[in-house]
Amino acid sequence: MLLALAPAAAAQRARAPWRLDGTDWKAMAEGEKMAFLRGVIAGTRLEAAPAAPPLRFGPNVYKARLEDFYFYTDRLSTPIVESLQRIEQEMVEQTVPDH
């Protein structure tokens, strides 16, 4: 009986990558975080949709920024993809020279 419940419980915990949040991020191992970021970066570059511009920096940059972002526990419910978009916008604004 217990074995029959285990796959259902695991399936319930599994979520689509775009629904993962800071709690999921904190639970990932270092290698998983880097693989996740590489996949997201590649996906945004392939998609290149106006609503989701490509992420321009490397996975190490985003990893460091996400670690900082999710340091604050009130942000843990923010989806990782949304956090990446915020981080991207902040970095782009910081790198664009003022004229």
Protein backbone atom coordinates (compact mmCIF):
# COMPACT_ATOMS: atom_id res chain seq x y z
CA MET A 1 0.00 0.00 0.00
CA LEU A 2 2.78 2.41 0.87
CA LEU A 3 4.56 1.67 -2.41
CA ALA A 4 1.43 2.55 -4.38
CA LEU A 5 1.31 5.98 -2.73
CA ALA A 6 4.96 6.86 -3.30
CA PRO A 7 4.76 7.48 -7.10
CA ALA A 8 1.61 9.57 -6.70
CA ALA A 9 3.27 11.69 -4.01
CA ALA A 10 6.37 12.15 -6.16
CA ALA A 11 4.27 13.16 -9.14
CA GLN A 12 2.39 15.67 -7.02
CA ARG A 13 5.69 17.26 -5.91
CA ALA A 14 7.04 17.42 -9.48
CA ARG A 15 6.30 20.78 -11.04
CA ALA A 16 6.95 22.43 -14.35
CA PRO A 17 10.28 24.32 -14.43
CA TRP A 18 8.58 27.70 -14.81
CA ARG A 19 6.68 27.09 -11.56
CA LEU A 20 9.75 26.42 -9.41
CA ASP A 21 10.38 29.03 -6.75
CA GLY A 22 13.00 30.00 -4.18
CA THR A 23 12.20 27.03 -1.98
CA ASP A 24 12.96 24.73 -4.89
CA TRP A 25 16.11 26.73 -5.66
CA LYS A 26 17.41 26.32 -2.12
CA ALA A 27 16.74 22.57 -2.27
CA MET A 28 18.77 22.09 -5.47
CA ALA A 29 22.36 20.85 -5.36
CA GLU A 30 25.00 23.13 -6.92
CA GLY A 31 25.18 21.06 -10.10
CA GLU A 32 21.40 21.08 -10.45
CA LYS A 33 21.33 24.87 -10.12
CA MET A 34 23.90 25.29 -12.88
CA ALA A 35 22.15 22.79 -15.16
CA PHE A 36 18.81 24.52 -14.56
CA LEU A 37 20.30 27.92 -15.38
CA ARG A 38 22.03 26.65 -18.52
CA GLY A 39 18.71 25.25 -19.71
CA VAL A 40 16.78 28.43 -18.97
CA ILE A 41 19.41 30.60 -20.66
CA ALA A 42 19.46 28.38 -23.74
CA GLY A 43 15.67 28.34 -23.84
CA THR A 44 15.37 32.13 -23.72
CA ARG A 45 17.95 32.49 -26.48
CA LEU A 46 16.10 30.03 -28.70
CA GLU A 47 12.69 31.50 -27.96
CA ALA A 48 13.71 35.17 -28.27
CA ALA A 49 10.11 36.28 -27.70
CA PRO A 50 9.50 39.96 -26.97
CA ALA A 51 7.73 39.04 -23.71
CA ALA A 52 10.76 37.07 -22.54
CA PRO A 53 13.98 38.59 -23.88
CA PRO A 54 17.07 36.38 -23.87
CA LEU A 55 19.18 36.26 -20.74
CA ARG A 56 22.45 37.94 -21.74
CA PHE A 57 24.84 36.87 -19.01
CA GLY A 58 26.35 33.55 -18.01
CA PRO A 59 24.91 31.02 -15.57
CA ASN A 60 27.47 31.87 -12.87
CA VAL A 61 26.26 35.48 -12.82
CA TYR A 62 22.61 34.48 -12.45
CA LYS A 63 23.44 31.87 -9.84
CA ALA A 64 25.20 34.43 -7.65
CA ARG A 65 22.33 36.89 -8.06
CA LEU A 66 19.70 34.24 -7.28
CA GLU A 67 21.59 33.21 -4.14
CA ASP A 68 21.48 36.86 -3.04
CA PHE A 69 17.83 37.25 -4.05
CA TYR A 70 16.63 34.17 -2.16
CA PHE A 71 18.71 35.00 0.90
CA TYR A 72 15.66 37.03 1.97
CA THR A 73 13.01 34.52 3.03
CA ASP A 74 10.11 36.78 2.04
CA ARG A 75 11.15 36.22 -1.59
CA LEU A 76 11.11 32.42 -1.54
CA SER A 77 7.63 32.24 -3.09
CA THR A 78 8.79 34.21 -6.15
CA PRO A 79 9.13 31.89 -9.16
CA ILE A 80 12.74 31.46 -10.32
CA VAL A 81 11.86 32.56 -13.85
CA GLU A 82 10.33 35.79 -12.53
CA SER A 83 13.39 36.37 -10.33
CA LEU A 84 15.65 35.89 -13.35
CA GLN A 85 13.65 38.45 -15.32
CA ARG A 86 13.99 40.98 -12.48
CA ILE A 87 17.71 40.29 -12.17
CA GLU A 88 18.19 40.62 -15.94
CA GLN A 89 16.37 43.96 -15.99
CA GLU A 90 18.46 45.30 -13.08
CA MET A 91 21.73 44.22 -14.69
CA VAL A 92 20.80 45.67 -18.09
CA GLU A 93 19.86 48.97 -16.48
CA GLN A 94 23.21 49.02 -14.65
CA THR A 95 25.22 48.33 -17.82
CA VAL A 96 23.48 50.79 -20.17
CA PRO A 97 25.54 54.00 -20.27
CA ASP A 98 23.77 57.28 -19.54
CA HIS A 99 23.72 59.78 -22.37
